[in-house]
Amino acid sequence: MTRKLNSLQKGLRVFLIILSAVSVLSLTVSAIAESSRNKKIQNDRDKIRKGFETILEQLEFNGLNDATIESVKKYRELVGDYSNLIVTDNAGKVLYNANNGFMPETDQFIVLINPDSLYPNDAYILDSKLNVRYKIILNRTYNGVKLVEYSKIYQDNQKLYDVIRYNEIFLSDTMDKNMHYAYIGSKGWNVYSIQKNISYSDYNYSNWHLAANSIGITAFVLFWLSLPIWVFLDAKRRNHMPALWGILTAVTNIVGLIIYILTRPENPTCKSCGELLNTKHIYCPYCGSENKQICHSCRTVLEKNWLACPNCGRKIEGERPETLLIVDGMDNNP
């Protein structure tokens, strides 16, 4: 029975090592894939930012010429067809728009913020009657002070700002869209870019990444369930409160394993054949050798350095106990 228990424990130990290796490998692969995915998202965001800044430079130095319009087309290839780029003058008159998306009117485009708001990134697109038509998030601003100054012009309109303050709480923004804003001082132009948010959900995991995650999760769950079984078997073989240690390891897993390894008694082995023994064994069940010194009068198990039996008082004769090497209550010849 002891030999079968040892064999089962050894097999389970190999299984645990394999599971831990697979879990670590899958975690590493998943981390690398996640890092690559995040890097791609950041690269796409940088491309959009640089594309918008290129348009601003061309508007600054060249105005709305053919080269600028071509840059706008390339920029929209980055941000998608469901986007718009709008250029207005100081009064909000539309000078250029890529399409009519998010434009309540074709000849005027008004965007305000609440300068005193706790939500400084909330922007509101109005129609010519100053009705709020869209609420959108300001993702990036260039010379955004101008937008604040422009918004303050309307602060005397108590009715409008009451609506804006109400909408700050109750009106949902256009969740999948955001806005870039820039003011070109030399031209007196406002530039708005409305585009789709870049979110993690837009970047699907590859099949091998999903497979690695599934394998890693499965291996970890099996490891978590198998580890308490191994601890239980090991503690049972050592006669060291197996149920308690099995439950403790099931709850705490690695922490319980570490505590168990630090506190468990040493492995008793036969001094003649080297087979693993149970701590209760006085004689080796495999070769019959005596592995614990006993009193030949009352059969009490003796410990190292005892000169007499504590049960019957008989003097210990023959080889002195202090000359024996005792491991976990077992004597081994030096």
C-alpha atoms as a PDB file:
ATOM      1  CA  MET A   1       0.000   0.000   0.000  1.00  0.00           C
ATOM      2  CA  THR A   2       2.805   2.388   0.898  1.00  0.00           C
ATOM      3  CA  ARG A   3       4.598   1.639  -2.375  1.00  0.00           C
ATOM      4  CA  LYS A   4       1.419   2.303  -4.383  1.00  0.00           C
ATOM      5  CA  LEU A   5       0.917   5.552  -2.490  1.00  0.00           C
ATOM      6  CA  ASN A   6       4.475   6.605  -3.277  1.00  0.00           C
ATOM      7  CA  SER A   7       4.032   5.732  -6.950  1.00  0.00           C
ATOM      8  CA  LEU A   8       0.794   7.722  -7.146  1.00  0.00           C
ATOM      9  CA  GLN A   9       2.426  10.668  -5.433  1.00  0.00           C
ATOM     10  CA  LYS A  10       5.394  10.629  -7.819  1.00  0.00           C
ATOM     11  CA  GLY A  11       3.089  10.536 -10.840  1.00  0.00           C
ATOM     12  CA  LEU A  12       1.035  13.390  -9.450  1.00  0.00           C
ATOM     13  CA  ARG A  13       4.217  15.377  -8.806  1.00  0.00           C
ATOM     14  CA  VAL A  14       5.235  15.036 -12.466  1.00  0.00           C
ATOM     15  CA  PHE A  15       1.712  16.053 -13.502  1.00  0.00           C
ATOM     16  CA  LEU A  16       1.899  19.162 -11.305  1.00  0.00           C
ATOM     17  CA  ILE A  17       5.271  20.140 -12.760  1.00  0.00           C
ATOM     18  CA  ILE A  18       3.874  19.826 -16.291  1.00  0.00           C
ATOM     19  CA  LEU A  19       0.778  21.855 -15.384  1.00  0.00           C
ATOM     20  CA  SER A  20       2.828  24.619 -13.765  1.00  0.00           C
ATOM     21  CA  ALA A  21       5.151  24.775 -16.787  1.00  0.00           C
ATOM     22  CA  VAL A  22       2.190  24.967 -19.191  1.00  0.00           C
ATOM     23  CA  SER A  23       0.550  27.687 -17.066  1.00  0.00           C
ATOM     24  CA  VAL A  24       3.708  29.805 -16.974  1.00  0.00           C
ATOM     25  CA  LEU A  25       4.321  29.309 -20.706  1.00  0.00           C
ATOM     26  CA  SER A  26       0.732  30.233 -21.581  1.00  0.00           C
ATOM     27  CA  LEU A  27       0.899  33.281 -19.316  1.00  0.00           C
ATOM     28  CA  THR A  28       4.118  34.385 -21.009  1.00  0.00           C
ATOM     29  CA  VAL A  29       2.663  33.916 -24.496  1.00  0.00           C
ATOM     30  CA  SER A  30      -0.503  35.776 -23.488  1.00  0.00           C
ATOM     31  CA  ALA A  31       1.502  38.655 -22.000  1.00  0.00           C
ATOM     32  CA  ILE A  32       3.586  38.970 -25.178  1.00  0.00           C
ATOM     33  CA  ALA A  33       0.456  38.924 -27.356  1.00  0.00           C
ATOM     34  CA  GLU A  34      -1.262  41.494 -25.127  1.00  0.00           C
ATOM     35  CA  SER A  35       1.793  43.740 -25.292  1.00  0.00           C
ATOM     36  CA  SER A  36       1.823  43.459 -29.089  1.00  0.00           C
ATOM     37  CA  ARG A  37      -1.887  44.299 -29.210  1.00  0.00           C
ATOM     38  CA  ASN A  38      -1.451  47.344 -26.979  1.00  0.00           C
ATOM     39  CA  LYS A  39       1.477  48.501 -29.088  1.00  0.00           C
ATOM     40  CA  LYS A  40      -0.627  48.258 -32.244  1.00  0.00           C
ATOM     41  CA  ILE A  41      -3.405  50.297 -30.633  1.00  0.00           C
ATOM     42  CA  GLN A  42      -0.909  52.951 -29.549  1.00  0.00           C
ATOM     43  CA  ASN A  43       0.659  53.026 -33.027  1.00  0.00           C
ATOM     44  CA  ASP A  44      -2.766  53.563 -34.623  1.00  0.00           C
ATOM     45  CA  ARG A  45      -3.519  56.384 -32.186  1.00  0.00           C
ATOM     46  CA  ASP A  46      -0.161  57.982 -32.967  1.00  0.00           C
ATOM     47  CA  LYS A  47      -0.869  57.767 -36.711  1.00  0.00           C
ATOM     48  CA  ILE A  48      -4.193  59.556 -36.222  1.00  0.00           C
ATOM     49  CA  ARG A  49      -2.579  62.234 -34.061  1.00  0.00           C
ATOM     50  CA  LYS A  50       0.222  62.820 -36.566  1.00  0.00           C
ATOM     51  CA  GLY A  51      -2.266  62.857 -39.454  1.00  0.00           C
ATOM     52  CA  PHE A  52      -4.336  65.550 -37.733  1.00  0.00           C
ATOM     53  CA  GLU A  53      -1.233  67.585 -36.931  1.00  0.00           C
ATOM     54  CA  THR A  54      -0.156  67.356 -40.585  1.00  0.00           C
ATOM     55  CA  ILE A  55      -3.503  68.833 -41.652  1.00  0.00           C
ATOM     56  CA  LEU A  56      -3.093  71.643 -39.115  1.00  0.00           C
ATOM     57  CA  GLU A  57       0.358  72.505 -40.472  1.00  0.00           C
ATOM     58  CA  GLN A  58      -0.907  72.582 -44.047  1.00  0.00           C
ATOM     59  CA  LEU A  59      -3.888  74.738 -43.079  1.00  0.00           C
ATOM     60  CA  GLU A  60      -1.531  77.079 -41.240  1.00  0.00           C
ATOM     61  CA  PHE A  61       0.872  77.562 -44.140  1.00  0.00           C
ATOM     62  CA  ASN A  62      -1.087  76.637 -47.273  1.00  0.00           C
ATOM     63  CA  GLY A  63      -4.728  77.163 -46.405  1.00  0.00           C
ATOM     64  CA  LEU A  64      -7.423  75.024 -48.011  1.00  0.00           C
ATOM     65  CA  ASN A  65      -5.517  74.089 -51.158  1.00  0.00           C
ATOM     66  CA  ASP A  66      -5.493  70.794 -53.062  1.00  0.00           C
ATOM     67  CA  ALA A  67      -2.573  69.394 -51.046  1.00  0.00           C
ATOM     68  CA  THR A  68      -4.464  70.020 -47.807  1.00  0.00           C
ATOM     69  CA  ILE A  69      -7.610  68.360 -49.157  1.00  0.00           C
ATOM     70  CA  GLU A  70      -5.501  65.364 -50.205  1.00  0.00           C
ATOM     71  CA  SER A  71      -4.101  65.145 -46.655  1.00  0.00           C
ATOM     72  CA  VAL A  72      -7.659  65.194 -45.333  1.00  0.00           C
ATOM     73  CA  LYS A  73      -8.521  62.215 -47.558  1.00  0.00           C
ATOM     74  CA  LYS A  74      -5.506  60.271 -46.298  1.00  0.00           C
ATOM     75  CA  TYR A  75      -6.401  61.194 -42.728  1.00  0.00           C
ATOM     76  CA  ARG A  76      -9.942  59.871 -43.165  1.00  0.00           C
ATOM     77  CA  GLU A  77      -8.530  56.587 -44.384  1.00  0.00           C
ATOM     78  CA  LEU A  78      -6.986  56.274 -40.916  1.00  0.00           C
ATOM     79  CA  VAL A  79     -10.030  57.307 -38.893  1.00  0.00           C
ATOM     80  CA  GLY A  80     -12.642  55.621 -41.102  1.00  0.00           C
ATOM     81  CA  ASP A  81     -15.441  56.717 -43.399  1.00  0.00           C
ATOM     82  CA  TYR A  82     -17.780  57.478 -40.508  1.00  0.00           C
ATOM     83  CA  SER A  83     -15.823  60.572 -39.587  1.00  0.00           C
ATOM     84  CA  ASN A  84     -15.851  64.252 -40.433  1.00  0.00           C
ATOM     85  CA  LEU A  85     -13.363  67.101 -40.579  1.00  0.00           C
ATOM     86  CA  ILE A  86     -14.831  70.593 -40.359  1.00  0.00           C
ATOM     87  CA  VAL A  87     -13.167  74.010 -40.686  1.00  0.00           C
ATOM     88  CA  THR A  88     -15.020  77.144 -39.546  1.00  0.00           C
ATOM     89  CA  ASP A  89     -14.225  80.800 -39.059  1.00  0.00           C
ATOM     90  CA  ASN A  90     -14.493  82.654 -35.750  1.00  0.00           C
ATOM     91  CA  ALA A  91     -18.239  83.060 -36.162  1.00  0.00           C
ATOM     92  CA  GLY A  92     -18.795  79.351 -36.787  1.00  0.00           C
ATOM     93  CA  LYS A  93     -19.381  79.698 -40.533  1.00  0.00           C
ATOM     94  CA  VAL A  94     -18.406  76.475 -42.282  1.00  0.00           C
ATOM     95  CA  LEU A  95     -15.470  76.913 -44.679  1.00  0.00           C
ATOM     96  CA  TYR A  96     -14.922  73.224 -45.351  1.00  0.00           C
ATOM     97  CA  ASN A  97     -16.425  69.905 -44.323  1.00  0.00           C
ATOM     98  CA  ALA A  98     -15.555  66.407 -45.492  1.00  0.00           C
ATOM     99  CA  ASN A  99     -19.210  65.327 -45.183  1.00  0.00           C
ATOM    100  CA  ASN A 100     -22.368  66.264 -43.299  1.00  0.00           C
ATOM    101  CA  GLY A 101     -21.888  63.920 -40.354  1.00  0.00           C
ATOM    102  CA  PHE A 102     -22.640  65.483 -36.942  1.00  0.00           C
ATOM    103  CA  MET A 103     -23.530  68.784 -38.619  1.00  0.00           C
ATOM    104  CA  PRO A 104     -27.001  70.062 -37.636  1.00  0.00           C
ATOM    105  CA  GLU A 105     -26.690  72.641 -40.424  1.00  0.00           C
ATOM    106  CA  THR A 106     -24.494  72.783 -43.495  1.00  0.00           C
ATOM    107  CA  ASP A 107     -23.446  76.433 -43.247  1.00  0.00           C
ATOM    108  CA  GLN A 108     -22.785  76.790 -39.520  1.00  0.00           C
ATOM    109  CA  PHE A 109     -21.102  74.621 -36.917  1.00  0.00           C
ATOM    110  CA  ILE A 110     -21.086  75.637 -33.246  1.00  0.00           C
ATOM    111  CA  VAL A 111     -19.258  73.773 -30.480  1.00  0.00           C
ATOM    112  CA  LEU A 112     -19.304  74.885 -26.845  1.00  0.00           C
ATOM    113  CA  ILE A 113     -17.957  73.620 -23.560  1.00  0.00           C
ATOM    114  CA  ASN A 114     -18.826  74.601 -20.010  1.00  0.00           C
ATOM    115  CA  PRO A 115     -15.689  76.406 -18.731  1.00  0.00           C
ATOM    116  CA  ASP A 116     -16.805  75.968 -15.111  1.00  0.00           C
ATOM    117  CA  SER A 117     -17.722  72.312 -15.458  1.00  0.00           C
ATOM    118  CA  LEU A 118     -16.312  69.411 -13.516  1.00  0.00           C
ATOM    119  CA  TYR A 119     -16.267  67.622 -16.875  1.00  0.00           C
ATOM    120  CA  PRO A 120     -13.907  69.782 -18.993  1.00  0.00           C
ATOM    121  CA  ASN A 121     -13.754  67.200 -21.786  1.00  0.00           C
ATOM    122  CA  ASP A 122     -17.489  67.328 -22.506  1.00  0.00           C
ATOM    123  CA  ALA A 123     -18.279  69.291 -25.685  1.00  0.00           C
ATOM    124  CA  TYR A 124     -21.698  70.165 -27.112  1.00  0.00           C
ATOM    125  CA  ILE A 125     -22.592  70.592 -30.770  1.00  0.00           C
ATOM    126  CA  LEU A 126     -25.378  73.192 -31.217  1.00  0.00           C
ATOM    127  CA  ASP A 127     -27.644  74.227 -34.050  1.00  0.00           C
ATOM    128  CA  SER A 128     -28.194  77.845 -35.092  1.00  0.00           C
ATOM    129  CA  LYS A 129     -30.982  78.176 -32.486  1.00  0.00           C
ATOM    130  CA  LEU A 130     -28.505  77.131 -29.772  1.00  0.00           C
ATOM    131  CA  ASN A 131     -30.193  73.817 -29.102  1.00  0.00           C
ATOM    132  CA  VAL A 132     -27.887  71.025 -27.957  1.00  0.00           C
ATOM    133  CA  ARG A 133     -27.807  68.381 -30.681  1.00  0.00           C
ATOM    134  CA  TYR A 134     -24.826  66.208 -29.685  1.00  0.00           C
ATOM    135  CA  LYS A 135     -22.692  65.666 -26.636  1.00  0.00           C
ATOM    136  CA  ILE A 136     -19.199  64.407 -27.467  1.00  0.00           C
ATOM    137  CA  ILE A 137     -15.870  63.881 -25.725  1.00  0.00           C
ATOM    138  CA  LEU A 138     -12.946  66.191 -26.504  1.00  0.00           C
ATOM    139  CA  ASN A 139     -10.073  63.774 -26.935  1.00  0.00           C
ATOM    140  CA  ARG A 140      -7.347  66.216 -27.966  1.00  0.00           C
ATOM    141  CA  THR A 141      -7.119  70.018 -28.178  1.00  0.00           C
ATOM    142  CA  TYR A 142      -4.582  72.394 -29.722  1.00  0.00           C
ATOM    143  CA  ASN A 143      -4.808  76.017 -28.577  1.00  0.00           C
ATOM    144  CA  GLY A 144      -7.925  75.018 -26.696  1.00  0.00           C
ATOM    145  CA  VAL A 145      -8.032  78.354 -24.838  1.00  0.00           C
ATOM    146  CA  LYS A 146      -9.868  79.766 -27.844  1.00  0.00           C
ATOM    147  CA  LEU A 147     -12.686  77.251 -27.371  1.00  0.00           C
ATOM    148  CA  VAL A 148     -12.970  78.322 -23.735  1.00  0.00           C
ATOM    149  CA  GLU A 149     -13.074  82.004 -24.713  1.00  0.00           C
ATOM    150  CA  TYR A 150     -15.669  81.335 -27.397  1.00  0.00           C
ATOM    151  CA  SER A 151     -17.812  79.384 -24.938  1.00  0.00           C
ATOM    152  CA  LYS A 152     -17.717  82.218 -22.397  1.00  0.00           C
ATOM    153  CA  ILE A 153     -19.421  84.494 -24.915  1.00  0.00           C
ATOM    154  CA  TYR A 154     -22.568  82.440 -24.424  1.00  0.00           C
ATOM    155  CA  GLN A 155     -22.402  82.225 -20.632  1.00  0.00           C
ATOM    156  CA  ASP A 156     -24.921  85.055 -20.299  1.00  0.00           C
ATOM    157  CA  ASN A 157     -27.422  82.760 -21.982  1.00  0.00           C
ATOM    158  CA  GLN A 158     -28.696  81.278 -18.744  1.00  0.00           C
ATOM    159  CA  LYS A 159     -31.202  79.027 -20.470  1.00  0.00           C
ATOM    160  CA  LEU A 160     -28.522  77.481 -22.688  1.00  0.00           C
ATOM    161  CA  TYR A 161     -26.117  76.769 -19.846  1.00  0.00           C
ATOM    162  CA  ASP A 162     -28.883  75.401 -17.675  1.00  0.00           C
ATOM    163  CA  VAL A 163     -29.506  72.880 -20.451  1.00  0.00           C
ATOM    164  CA  ILE A 164     -25.775  72.124 -20.704  1.00  0.00           C
ATOM    165  CA  ARG A 165     -25.462  71.594 -16.944  1.00  0.00           C
ATOM    166  CA  TYR A 166     -28.467  69.300 -17.037  1.00  0.00           C
ATOM    167  CA  ASN A 167     -27.039  67.390 -19.984  1.00  0.00           C
ATOM    168  CA  GLU A 168     -23.702  66.942 -18.199  1.00  0.00           C
ATOM    169  CA  ILE A 169     -25.476  64.529 -15.897  1.00  0.00           C
ATOM    170  CA  PHE A 170     -28.336  63.085 -17.903  1.00  0.00           C
ATOM    171  CA  LEU A 171     -27.330  63.215 -21.570  1.00  0.00           C
ATOM    172  CA  SER A 172     -25.158  60.360 -22.743  1.00  0.00           C
ATOM    173  CA  ASP A 173     -22.285  61.294 -24.992  1.00  0.00           C
ATOM    174  CA  THR A 174     -21.725  59.783 -28.408  1.00  0.00           C
ATOM    175  CA  MET A 175     -19.844  56.914 -26.847  1.00  0.00           C
ATOM    176  CA  ASP A 176     -18.144  55.552 -29.940  1.00  0.00           C
ATOM    177  CA  LYS A 177     -16.974  58.959 -31.208  1.00  0.00           C
ATOM    178  CA  ASN A 178     -14.557  61.617 -30.000  1.00  0.00           C
ATOM    179  CA  MET A 179     -13.450  65.030 -31.195  1.00  0.00           C
ATOM    180  CA  HIS A 180     -10.102  66.707 -31.857  1.00  0.00           C
ATOM    181  CA  TYR A 181     -10.110  70.507 -31.765  1.00  0.00           C
ATOM    182  CA  ALA A 182      -7.545  73.073 -32.908  1.00  0.00           C
ATOM    183  CA  TYR A 183      -7.526  76.820 -33.422  1.00  0.00           C
ATOM    184  CA  ILE A 184      -5.285  78.245 -36.154  1.00  0.00           C
ATOM    185  CA  GLY A 185      -4.554  81.749 -34.957  1.00  0.00           C
ATOM    186  CA  SER A 186      -3.039  83.100 -38.176  1.00  0.00           C
ATOM    187  CA  LYS A 187      -6.212  82.262 -40.089  1.00  0.00           C
ATOM    188  CA  GLY A 188      -8.793  82.610 -37.329  1.00  0.00           C
ATOM    189  CA  TRP A 189     -10.033  79.118 -38.114  1.00  0.00           C
ATOM    190  CA  ASN A 190     -11.497  76.423 -35.896  1.00  0.00           C
ATOM    191  CA  VAL A 191     -10.706  72.858 -36.932  1.00  0.00           C
ATOM    192  CA  TYR A 192     -12.807  69.954 -35.703  1.00  0.00           C
ATOM    193  CA  SER A 193     -12.194  66.274 -36.352  1.00  0.00           C
ATOM    194  CA  ILE A 194     -14.894  63.815 -35.310  1.00  0.00           C
ATOM    195  CA  GLN A 195     -13.939  60.157 -35.514  1.00  0.00           C
ATOM    196  CA  LYS A 196     -14.532  56.756 -34.011  1.00  0.00           C
ATOM    197  CA  ASN A 197     -12.903  55.936 -30.712  1.00  0.00           C
ATOM    198  CA  ILE A 198     -10.081  53.441 -30.857  1.00  0.00           C
ATOM    199  CA  SER A 199     -11.047  50.823 -28.290  1.00  0.00           C
ATOM    200  CA  TYR A 200      -9.609  47.477 -27.300  1.00  0.00           C
ATOM    201  CA  SER A 201     -12.703  45.706 -28.607  1.00  0.00           C
ATOM    202  CA  ASP A 202     -11.761  46.775 -32.149  1.00  0.00           C
ATOM    203  CA  TYR A 203      -8.640  44.633 -31.986  1.00  0.00           C
ATOM    204  CA  ASN A 204      -9.637  40.994 -31.869  1.00  0.00           C
ATOM    205  CA  TYR A 205      -7.356  38.411 -30.356  1.00  0.00           C
ATOM    206  CA  SER A 206      -5.763  36.015 -32.817  1.00  0.00           C
ATOM    207  CA  ASN A 207      -6.741  32.337 -32.697  1.00  0.00           C
ATOM    208  CA  TRP A 208      -3.386  31.278 -31.269  1.00  0.00           C
ATOM    209  CA  HIS A 209      -3.705  33.896 -28.527  1.00  0.00           C
ATOM    210  CA  LEU A 210      -7.165  32.622 -27.595  1.00  0.00           C
ATOM    211  CA  ALA A 211      -5.882  29.036 -27.666  1.00  0.00           C
ATOM    212  CA  ALA A 212      -2.947  29.936 -25.394  1.00  0.00           C
ATOM    213  CA  ASN A 213      -5.320  31.629 -22.947  1.00  0.00           C
ATOM    214  CA  SER A 214      -7.647  28.611 -22.893  1.00  0.00           C
ATOM    215  CA  ILE A 215      -4.797  26.152 -22.365  1.00  0.00           C
ATOM    216  CA  GLY A 216      -3.278  28.331 -19.642  1.00  0.00           C
ATOM    217  CA  ILE A 217      -6.562  28.712 -17.760  1.00  0.00           C
ATOM    218  CA  THR A 218      -7.288  24.977 -17.984  1.00  0.00           C
ATOM    219  CA  ALA A 219      -3.780  24.086 -16.797  1.00  0.00           C
ATOM    220  CA  PHE A 220      -4.020  26.527 -13.894  1.00  0.00           C
ATOM    221  CA  VAL A 221      -7.402  25.162 -12.770  1.00  0.00           C
ATOM    222  CA  LEU A 222      -6.094  21.582 -12.910  1.00  0.00           C
ATOM    223  CA  PHE A 223      -2.981  22.665 -11.008  1.00  0.00           C
ATOM    224  CA  TRP A 224      -5.113  24.336  -8.331  1.00  0.00           C
ATOM    225  CA  LEU A 225      -7.239  21.200  -7.927  1.00  0.00           C
ATOM    226  CA  SER A 226      -4.363  18.699  -8.061  1.00  0.00           C
ATOM    227  CA  LEU A 227      -2.010  20.426  -5.636  1.00  0.00           C
ATOM    228  CA  PRO A 228      -4.137  19.748  -2.509  1.00  0.00           C
ATOM    229  CA  ILE A 229      -4.360  16.077  -3.533  1.00  0.00           C
ATOM    230  CA  TRP A 230      -0.569  15.810  -3.724  1.00  0.00           C
ATOM    231  CA  VAL A 231      -0.196  17.521  -0.332  1.00  0.00           C
ATOM    232  CA  PHE A 232      -2.816  15.195   1.157  1.00  0.00           C
ATOM    233  CA  LEU A 233      -1.015  12.083  -0.136  1.00  0.00           C
ATOM    234  CA  ASP A 234       2.371  13.352   1.024  1.00  0.00           C
ATOM    235  CA  ALA A 235       1.052  14.241   4.482  1.00  0.00           C
ATOM    236  CA  LYS A 236      -0.724  10.885   4.732  1.00  0.00           C
ATOM    237  CA  ARG A 237       2.483   9.012   3.954  1.00  0.00           C
ATOM    238  CA  ARG A 238       4.246  11.004   6.667  1.00  0.00           C
ATOM    239  CA  ASN A 239       1.318  10.599   9.097  1.00  0.00           C
ATOM    240  CA  HIS A 240       1.219  14.404   9.371  1.00  0.00           C
ATOM    241  CA  MET A 241      -2.444  15.569   9.556  1.00  0.00           C
ATOM    242  CA  PRO A 242      -3.276  14.915   5.870  1.00  0.00           C
ATOM    243  CA  ALA A 243      -6.878  16.202   5.974  1.00  0.00           C
ATOM    244  CA  LEU A 244      -5.872  19.514   7.561  1.00  0.00           C
ATOM    245  CA  TRP A 245      -3.045  20.167   5.108  1.00  0.00           C
ATOM    246  CA  GLY A 246      -5.167  19.108   2.135  1.00  0.00           C
ATOM    247  CA  ILE A 247      -7.921  21.581   3.057  1.00  0.00           C
ATOM    248  CA  LEU A 248      -5.423  24.360   3.829  1.00  0.00           C
ATOM    249  CA  THR A 249      -3.712  23.914   0.461  1.00  0.00           C
ATOM    250  CA  ALA A 250      -7.057  23.793  -1.357  1.00  0.00           C
ATOM    251  CA  VAL A 251      -7.857  27.233   0.075  1.00  0.00           C
ATOM    252  CA  THR A 252      -4.453  28.937  -0.128  1.00  0.00           C
ATOM    253  CA  ASN A 253      -2.795  26.858  -2.891  1.00  0.00           C
ATOM    254  CA  ILE A 254       0.874  27.905  -3.298  1.00  0.00           C
ATOM    255  CA  VAL A 255       0.983  29.618   0.111  1.00  0.00           C
ATOM    256  CA  GLY A 256      -0.305  26.469   1.798  1.00  0.00           C
ATOM    257  CA  LEU A 257       2.195  24.345  -0.137  1.00  0.00           C
ATOM    258  CA  ILE A 258       5.117  26.518   0.996  1.00  0.00           C
ATOM    259  CA  ILE A 259       4.003  26.382   4.636  1.00  0.00           C
ATOM    260  CA  TYR A 260       3.550  22.621   4.413  1.00  0.00           C
ATOM    261  CA  ILE A 261       6.988  22.019   2.890  1.00  0.00           C
ATOM    262  CA  LEU A 262       8.619  24.158   5.591  1.00  0.00           C
ATOM    263  CA  THR A 263       6.861  22.349   8.447  1.00  0.00           C
ATOM    264  CA  ARG A 264       6.504  18.741   7.275  1.00  0.00           C
ATOM    265  CA  PRO A 265       8.652  16.037   8.939  1.00  0.00           C
ATOM    266  CA  GLU A 266      11.555  14.520   7.021  1.00  0.00           C
ATOM    267  CA  ASN A 267      11.088  11.445   4.856  1.00  0.00           C
ATOM    268  CA  PRO A 268      11.856   8.234   6.821  1.00  0.00           C
ATOM    269  CA  THR A 269      13.759   5.657   4.760  1.00  0.00           C
ATOM    270  CA  CYS A 270      14.918   2.136   5.520  1.00  0.00           C
ATOM    271  CA  LYS A 271      18.568   2.036   6.633  1.00  0.00           C
ATOM    272  CA  SER A 272      19.060  -1.248   4.748  1.00  0.00           C
ATOM    273  CA  CYS A 273      17.151  -1.056   1.449  1.00  0.00           C
ATOM    274  CA  GLY A 274      16.441   2.687   1.227  1.00  0.00           C
ATOM    275  CA  GLU A 275      12.695   2.302   0.668  1.00  0.00           C
ATOM    276  CA  LEU A 276      10.389   5.045   1.969  1.00  0.00           C
ATOM    277  CA  LEU A 277       8.674   4.156   5.227  1.00  0.00           C
ATOM    278  CA  ASN A 278       5.730   5.350   7.230  1.00  0.00           C
ATOM    279  CA  THR A 279       6.650   7.041  10.522  1.00  0.00           C
ATOM    280  CA  LYS A 280       4.747   4.262  12.330  1.00  0.00           C
ATOM    281  CA  HIS A 281       6.949   1.526  10.875  1.00  0.00           C
ATOM    282  CA  ILE A 282       9.351  -0.103  13.308  1.00  0.00           C
ATOM    283  CA  TYR A 283      10.401  -2.790  10.831  1.00  0.00           C
ATOM    284  CA  CYS A 284      10.810  -2.256   7.104  1.00  0.00           C
ATOM    285  CA  PRO A 285       7.922  -3.943   5.254  1.00  0.00           C
ATOM    286  CA  TYR A 286      10.198  -4.505   2.237  1.00  0.00           C
ATOM    287  CA  CYS A 287      13.308  -6.126   3.765  1.00  0.00           C
ATOM    288  CA  GLY A 288      12.331  -6.751   7.406  1.00  0.00           C
ATOM    289  CA  SER A 289      15.162  -4.677   8.916  1.00  0.00           C
ATOM    290  CA  GLU A 290      14.622  -3.015  12.268  1.00  0.00           C
ATOM    291  CA  ASN A 291      14.529   0.745  11.708  1.00  0.00           C
ATOM    292  CA  LYS A 292      13.671   1.977  15.184  1.00  0.00           C
ATOM    293  CA  GLN A 293      15.482   1.072  18.370  1.00  0.00           C
ATOM    294  CA  ILE A 294      13.085  -0.619  20.775  1.00  0.00           C
ATOM    295  CA  CYS A 295      13.251  -1.815  24.348  1.00  0.00           C
ATOM    296  CA  HIS A 296      13.641  -5.590  24.260  1.00  0.00           C
ATOM    297  CA  SER A 297      11.725  -5.848  27.511  1.00  0.00           C
ATOM    298  CA  CYS A 298       8.528  -3.816  26.919  1.00  0.00           C
ATOM    299  CA  ARG A 299       8.853  -3.038  23.180  1.00  0.00           C
ATOM    300  CA  THR A 300       8.765   0.727  23.747  1.00  0.00           C
ATOM    301  CA  VAL A 301      10.269   2.766  20.910  1.00  0.00           C
ATOM    302  CA  LEU A 302      13.428   4.497  22.152  1.00  0.00           C
ATOM    303  CA  GLU A 303      14.770   7.865  21.128  1.00  0.00           C
ATOM    304  CA  LYS A 304      18.286   9.107  20.574  1.00  0.00           C
ATOM    305  CA  ASN A 305      20.516   9.640  23.641  1.00  0.00           C
ATOM    306  CA  TRP A 306      18.272   7.602  25.946  1.00  0.00           C
ATOM    307  CA  LEU A 307      20.265   5.351  28.278  1.00  0.00           C
ATOM    308  CA  ALA A 308      17.253   3.608  29.779  1.00  0.00           C
ATOM    309  CA  CYS A 309      13.704   2.770  28.776  1.00  0.00           C
ATOM    310  CA  PRO A 310      11.281   5.356  30.213  1.00  0.00           C
ATOM    311  CA  ASN A 311       8.551   2.714  30.448  1.00  0.00           C
ATOM    312  CA  CYS A 312      10.215  -0.172  32.273  1.00  0.00           C
ATOM    313  CA  GLY A 313      13.556   1.327  33.322  1.00  0.00           C
ATOM    314  CA  ARG A 314      15.679  -1.290  31.580  1.00  0.00           C
ATOM    315  CA  LYS A 315      19.197  -0.193  30.686  1.00  0.00           C
ATOM    316  CA  ILE A 316      19.863   0.056  26.967  1.00  0.00           C
ATOM    317  CA  GLU A 317      22.535  -2.466  26.080  1.00  0.00           C
ATOM    318  CA  GLY A 318      24.714  -2.913  23.028  1.00  0.00           C
ATOM    319  CA  GLU A 319      25.259  -0.021  20.643  1.00  0.00           C
ATOM    320  CA  ARG A 320      24.845   3.319  22.419  1.00  0.00           C
ATOM    321  CA  PRO A 321      21.937   5.355  21.033  1.00  0.00           C
ATOM    322  CA  GLU A 322      24.090   8.476  20.699  1.00  0.00           C
ATOM    323  CA  THR A 323      26.232   6.696  18.121  1.00  0.00           C
ATOM    324  CA  LEU A 324      23.199   6.121  15.880  1.00  0.00           C
ATOM    325  CA  LEU A 325      22.011   8.561  13.243  1.00  0.00           C
ATOM    326  CA  ILE A 326      18.280   9.066  13.767  1.00  0.00           C
ATOM    327  CA  VAL A 327      16.193  10.735  11.078  1.00  0.00           C
ATOM    328  CA  ASP A 328      12.600  11.557  12.045  1.00  0.00           C
ATOM    329  CA  GLY A 329      12.648   9.104  14.930  1.00  0.00           C
ATOM    330  CA  MET A 330      14.426   6.396  12.879  1.00  0.00           C
ATOM    331  CA  ASP A 331      17.927   5.014  13.361  1.00  0.00           C
ATOM    332  CA  ASN A 332      20.338   4.748  10.455  1.00  0.00           C
ATOM    333  CA  ASN A 333      23.812   3.307  10.615  1.00  0.00           C
ATOM    334  CA  PRO A 334      26.499   5.877   9.909  1.00  0.00           C
END
